[in-house]
């Protein structure tokens, strides 16, 4: 019983660590330090119609880069492009 609790606790802590690391990666892209570093670069985001790909696209669209996005569903991809254009204005 104690071993099961320890395994669950380790799994929970691993997920918390992963989430904190993911959040710090997004904040790094939002910081001003990287704007000059990424200027003029070309970035391709796959799966950009939802989840982390969409969040990343919404963050990167504000930077002076060439951004390409892909998605499985054509209609969702068009909706994403339209929403990104509104953010970029």
Protein backbone atom coordinates (compact mmCIF):
# COMPACT_ATOMS: atom_id res chain seq x y z
CA UNK A 1 0.00 0.00 0.00
CA UNK A 2 2.77 2.44 0.88
CA UNK A 3 4.59 1.65 -2.36
CA UNK A 4 1.48 2.51 -4.40
CA UNK A 5 1.14 5.85 -2.58
CA UNK A 6 4.81 6.62 -3.22
CA UNK A 7 4.47 5.79 -6.93
CA UNK A 8 1.38 8.00 -7.24
CA UNK A 9 3.17 10.83 -5.41
CA UNK A 10 6.20 10.56 -7.71
CA UNK A 11 3.92 10.63 -10.76
CA UNK A 12 2.08 13.68 -9.43
CA UNK A 13 5.33 15.54 -8.73
CA UNK A 14 6.61 14.66 -12.22
CA UNK A 15 3.48 16.14 -13.81
CA UNK A 16 3.80 19.31 -11.70
CA UNK A 17 7.45 19.70 -12.71
CA UNK A 18 6.59 19.20 -16.39
CA UNK A 19 3.80 21.81 -16.20
CA UNK A 20 6.11 24.35 -14.53
CA UNK A 21 8.76 23.76 -17.17
CA UNK A 22 6.21 24.16 -19.99
CA UNK A 23 4.94 27.43 -18.48
CA UNK A 24 8.48 28.84 -18.17
CA UNK A 25 9.13 28.00 -21.84
CA UNK A 26 6.08 30.01 -22.89
CA UNK A 27 7.10 32.94 -20.68
CA UNK A 28 10.56 32.85 -22.28
CA UNK A 29 8.99 33.37 -25.71
CA UNK A 30 6.92 36.26 -24.37
CA UNK A 31 9.96 38.05 -22.96
CA UNK A 32 11.63 40.91 -24.83
CA UNK A 33 15.02 39.15 -24.78
CA UNK A 34 14.02 36.73 -27.52
CA UNK A 35 12.39 39.20 -29.88
CA UNK A 36 15.71 40.21 -31.43
CA UNK A 37 17.01 36.66 -31.30
CA UNK A 38 14.06 35.34 -33.34
CA UNK A 39 13.70 38.32 -35.72
CA UNK A 40 13.66 37.19 -39.33
CA UNK A 41 13.56 33.48 -38.45
CA UNK A 42 11.09 31.08 -40.05
CA UNK A 43 9.10 28.91 -37.66
CA UNK A 44 6.73 26.04 -38.52
CA UNK A 45 4.14 24.98 -35.93
CA UNK A 46 2.37 21.68 -36.54
CA UNK A 47 -0.92 21.03 -34.81
CA UNK A 48 -1.57 24.72 -34.38
CA UNK A 49 -5.37 24.50 -34.29
CA UNK A 50 -5.53 23.57 -30.61
CA UNK A 51 -3.68 22.98 -27.37
CA UNK A 52 -0.03 23.91 -27.00
CA UNK A 53 0.42 24.51 -30.74
CA UNK A 54 -2.34 27.15 -30.75
CA UNK A 55 -0.94 28.82 -27.62
CA UNK A 56 2.51 28.90 -29.18
CA UNK A 57 1.15 30.35 -32.45
CA UNK A 58 -0.76 33.06 -30.56
CA UNK A 59 2.42 34.00 -28.72
CA UNK A 60 4.77 33.92 -31.70
CA UNK A 61 2.47 35.84 -34.08
CA UNK A 62 3.41 39.03 -32.23
CA UNK A 63 7.11 38.64 -33.09
CA UNK A 64 8.83 39.80 -36.31
CA UNK A 65 9.15 36.26 -37.72
CA UNK A 66 7.85 34.21 -40.66
CA UNK A 67 5.26 31.92 -39.06
CA UNK A 68 3.84 28.86 -40.82
CA UNK A 69 1.09 26.77 -39.24
CA UNK A 70 -0.46 23.42 -40.12
CA UNK A 71 -3.52 21.53 -38.96
CA UNK A 72 -5.41 18.36 -39.85
CA UNK A 73 -8.81 20.00 -40.19
CA UNK A 74 -8.95 22.57 -43.01
CA UNK A 75 -11.82 24.59 -41.48
CA UNK A 76 -10.14 24.78 -38.05
CA UNK A 77 -6.89 25.83 -39.71
CA UNK A 78 -8.64 28.66 -41.56
CA UNK A 79 -10.29 29.76 -38.28
CA UNK A 80 -6.89 29.74 -36.58
CA UNK A 81 -5.36 31.83 -39.38
CA UNK A 82 -8.18 34.36 -39.06
CA UNK A 83 -7.81 34.59 -35.28
CA UNK A 84 -4.03 34.99 -35.59
CA UNK A 85 -4.49 37.81 -38.11
CA UNK A 86 -6.76 39.62 -35.61
CA UNK A 87 -4.13 39.23 -32.87
CA UNK A 88 -1.38 40.52 -35.15
CA UNK A 89 -3.22 43.76 -36.08
